Amino acid sequence: MEIKTFEDLIDWTRQLHAHLAKCLHESATNNSNERAAALLDYVSSHEHMLEKAVAEFERQADPKAMRTRLYDYANHKPIERNRTCDTHYAELDFEGIEREIFDFHDQVMDLYDALIGKAEIPEAKTLLEDLKALEEHEAMRLARQIGRMDDL
């Protein structure tokens, strides 16, 4: 997907979360470790919820911000899509899955962070800050839940 506007960026982010949710769900059925499979199922549902939240941003965002061109996106190191487009999670243990998922979310937040500093209109900056805040909040919530699962 070619990202030219903030609307494209948000749609791409939504699709990324949807794709990750699907891959995690498929991996859960193939992971022989019960604990790891439970984590994959939980994170899959979490990613599906994030997909819906990002879709809400698409629906409610300021049209001026959404149509704003993104000139510096290509300068940012892209998120490694191959890490989200296969079922290699089925081969990982609990800790490996945890590392992969948080690395993925860190990359998304780093992208938003890099673009916040380059946003040329206040509406675009606010949109990116809100998206980053959503990702941060959900990553913290995910960390708490994974911590609880790990304690069990």
Protein backbone atom coordinates (compact mmCIF):
# COMPACT_ATOMS: atom_id res chain seq x y z
CA MET A 1 0.00 0.00 0.00
CA GLU A 2 1.34 3.38 -0.98
CA ILE A 3 0.97 5.88 1.84
CA LYS A 4 0.46 9.41 0.56
CA THR A 5 -1.93 10.94 3.13
CA PHE A 6 -2.77 10.60 6.79
CA GLU A 7 -5.90 8.76 5.71
CA ASP A 8 -3.70 6.19 3.96
CA LEU A 9 -1.52 5.89 7.07
CA ILE A 10 -4.46 5.26 9.35
CA ASP A 11 -6.00 2.76 6.94
CA TRP A 12 -2.65 0.99 6.65
CA THR A 13 -2.38 0.85 10.46
CA ARG A 14 -5.90 -0.58 10.70
CA GLN A 15 -5.08 -3.21 8.09
CA LEU A 16 -1.84 -4.06 9.88
CA HIS A 17 -3.67 -4.72 13.16
CA ALA A 18 -6.33 -6.78 11.33
CA HIS A 19 -3.70 -8.85 9.57
CA LEU A 20 -1.75 -9.43 12.77
CA ALA A 21 -4.96 -10.51 14.55
CA LYS A 22 -5.65 -13.05 11.81
CA CYS A 23 -2.09 -14.43 11.84
CA LEU A 24 -2.03 -14.71 15.63
CA HIS A 25 -5.37 -16.54 15.64
CA GLU A 26 -4.15 -19.00 13.01
CA SER A 27 -0.91 -19.50 14.93
CA ALA A 28 -2.81 -20.19 18.16
CA THR A 29 -4.45 -23.24 16.66
CA ASN A 30 -1.06 -24.58 15.57
CA ASN A 31 0.96 -23.88 18.71
CA SER A 32 1.44 -27.04 20.76
CA ASN A 33 2.21 -25.12 23.98
CA GLU A 34 -1.08 -24.48 25.78
CA ARG A 35 0.19 -21.34 27.49
CA ALA A 36 1.58 -19.88 24.27
CA ALA A 37 -1.64 -20.72 22.39
CA ALA A 38 -3.69 -18.95 25.06
CA LEU A 39 -1.45 -15.89 24.75
CA LEU A 40 -1.82 -15.92 20.96
CA ASP A 41 -5.60 -16.10 21.27
CA TYR A 42 -5.66 -13.23 23.75
CA VAL A 43 -3.35 -11.01 21.70
CA SER A 44 -5.33 -11.84 18.56
CA SER A 45 -8.53 -10.55 20.16
CA HIS A 46 -6.63 -7.51 21.43
CA GLU A 47 -5.37 -6.73 17.90
CA HIS A 48 -8.89 -7.14 16.53
CA MET A 49 -10.10 -4.59 19.10
CA LEU A 50 -7.28 -2.23 18.04
CA GLU A 51 -8.35 -2.63 14.42
CA LYS A 52 -11.83 -1.42 15.38
CA ALA A 53 -10.44 1.49 17.41
CA VAL A 54 -8.27 2.65 14.51
CA ALA A 55 -11.26 2.35 12.17
CA GLU A 56 -13.11 4.73 14.50
CA PHE A 57 -10.25 7.22 14.05
CA GLU A 58 -10.74 6.92 10.30
CA ARG A 59 -14.43 7.63 10.66
CA GLN A 60 -14.20 10.54 13.12
CA ALA A 61 -10.96 12.28 12.20
CA ASP A 62 -10.81 15.82 10.93
CA PRO A 63 -11.14 15.67 7.12
CA LYS A 64 -8.48 18.38 6.76
CA ALA A 65 -5.99 16.24 8.67
CA MET A 66 -6.96 13.09 6.79
CA ARG A 67 -6.29 14.70 3.39
CA THR A 68 -2.93 16.12 4.46
CA ARG A 69 -0.05 14.72 2.44
CA LEU A 70 2.66 12.71 4.16
CA TYR A 71 5.98 13.63 2.61
CA ASP A 72 8.35 12.14 5.15
CA TYR A 73 6.81 8.69 5.51
CA ALA A 74 9.28 7.16 3.06
CA ASN A 75 12.17 8.43 5.19
CA HIS A 76 11.04 6.36 8.18
CA LYS A 77 12.19 2.76 8.41
CA PRO A 78 9.08 0.77 7.49
CA ILE A 79 7.55 -1.74 9.87
CA GLU A 80 8.65 -5.24 9.05
CA ARG A 81 5.49 -6.60 7.46
CA ASN A 82 6.96 -10.09 7.10
CA ARG A 83 6.91 -10.29 10.89
CA THR A 84 3.13 -10.02 10.75
CA CYS A 85 2.23 -11.96 7.60
CA ASP A 86 2.97 -15.54 8.51
CA THR A 87 2.21 -18.02 11.24
CA HIS A 88 5.72 -18.26 12.68
CA TYR A 89 4.17 -17.39 16.05
CA ALA A 90 3.08 -21.04 16.24
CA GLU A 91 6.74 -21.95 16.71
CA LEU A 92 7.42 -19.43 19.49
CA ASP A 93 7.15 -19.92 23.22
CA PHE A 94 5.34 -17.51 25.58
CA GLU A 95 8.34 -15.18 26.00
CA GLY A 96 9.14 -15.17 22.28
CA ILE A 97 5.58 -14.19 21.41
CA GLU A 98 5.68 -11.46 24.04
CA ARG A 99 8.93 -10.02 22.59
CA GLU A 100 7.59 -10.08 19.02
CA ILE A 101 4.30 -8.39 19.91
CA PHE A 102 5.88 -5.59 21.91
CA ASP A 103 8.50 -5.04 19.22
CA PHE A 104 5.69 -4.68 16.67
CA HIS A 105 3.87 -2.12 18.83
CA ASP A 106 7.11 -0.24 19.51
CA GLN A 107 7.66 0.09 15.75
CA VAL A 108 4.16 1.52 15.24
CA MET A 109 4.67 4.02 18.08
CA ASP A 110 8.11 4.98 16.75
CA LEU A 111 6.56 5.67 13.35
CA TYR A 112 3.88 7.91 14.86
CA ASP A 113 6.47 9.63 17.03
CA ALA A 114 8.68 10.39 14.03
CA LEU A 115 5.72 11.77 12.08
CA ILE A 116 4.41 13.91 14.96
CA GLY A 117 7.48 16.10 14.79
CA LYS A 118 7.00 16.58 11.06
CA ALA A 119 3.26 17.29 10.99
CA GLU A 120 2.68 20.60 9.28
CA ILE A 121 -0.84 21.39 10.48
CA PRO A 122 -2.13 21.23 14.06
CA GLU A 123 -5.00 18.87 13.11
CA ALA A 124 -2.56 16.31 11.70
CA LYS A 125 -0.31 16.57 14.74
CA THR A 126 -3.28 16.07 17.07
CA LEU A 127 -4.45 13.08 15.05
CA LEU A 128 -1.02 11.45 15.27
CA GLU A 129 -0.73 12.21 18.99
CA ASP A 130 -4.13 10.62 19.58
CA LEU A 131 -3.19 7.53 17.58
CA LYS A 132 0.11 7.22 19.44
CA ALA A 133 -1.70 7.61 22.77
CA LEU A 134 -4.09 4.81 21.75
CA GLU A 135 -1.17 2.54 20.85
CA GLU A 136 0.66 3.37 24.11
CA HIS A 137 -2.43 2.81 26.24
CA GLU A 138 -3.17 -0.50 24.56
CA ALA A 139 0.46 -1.64 24.81
CA MET A 140 0.40 -0.91 28.56
CA ARG A 141 -2.91 -2.74 28.94
CA LEU A 142 -1.51 -5.66 26.99
CA ALA A 143 1.62 -5.70 29.18
CA ARG A 144 -0.52 -5.85 32.33
CA GLN A 145 -2.63 -8.70 30.95
CA ILE A 146 0.40 -10.65 29.76
CA GLY A 147 1.99 -10.13 33.18
CA ARG A 148 -1.10 -11.60 34.81
CA MET A 149 -1.05 -14.55 32.41
CA ASP A 150 2.62 -15.09 33.16
CA ASP A 151 1.92 -15.08 36.90
CA LEU A 152 -0.55 -17.92 36.44
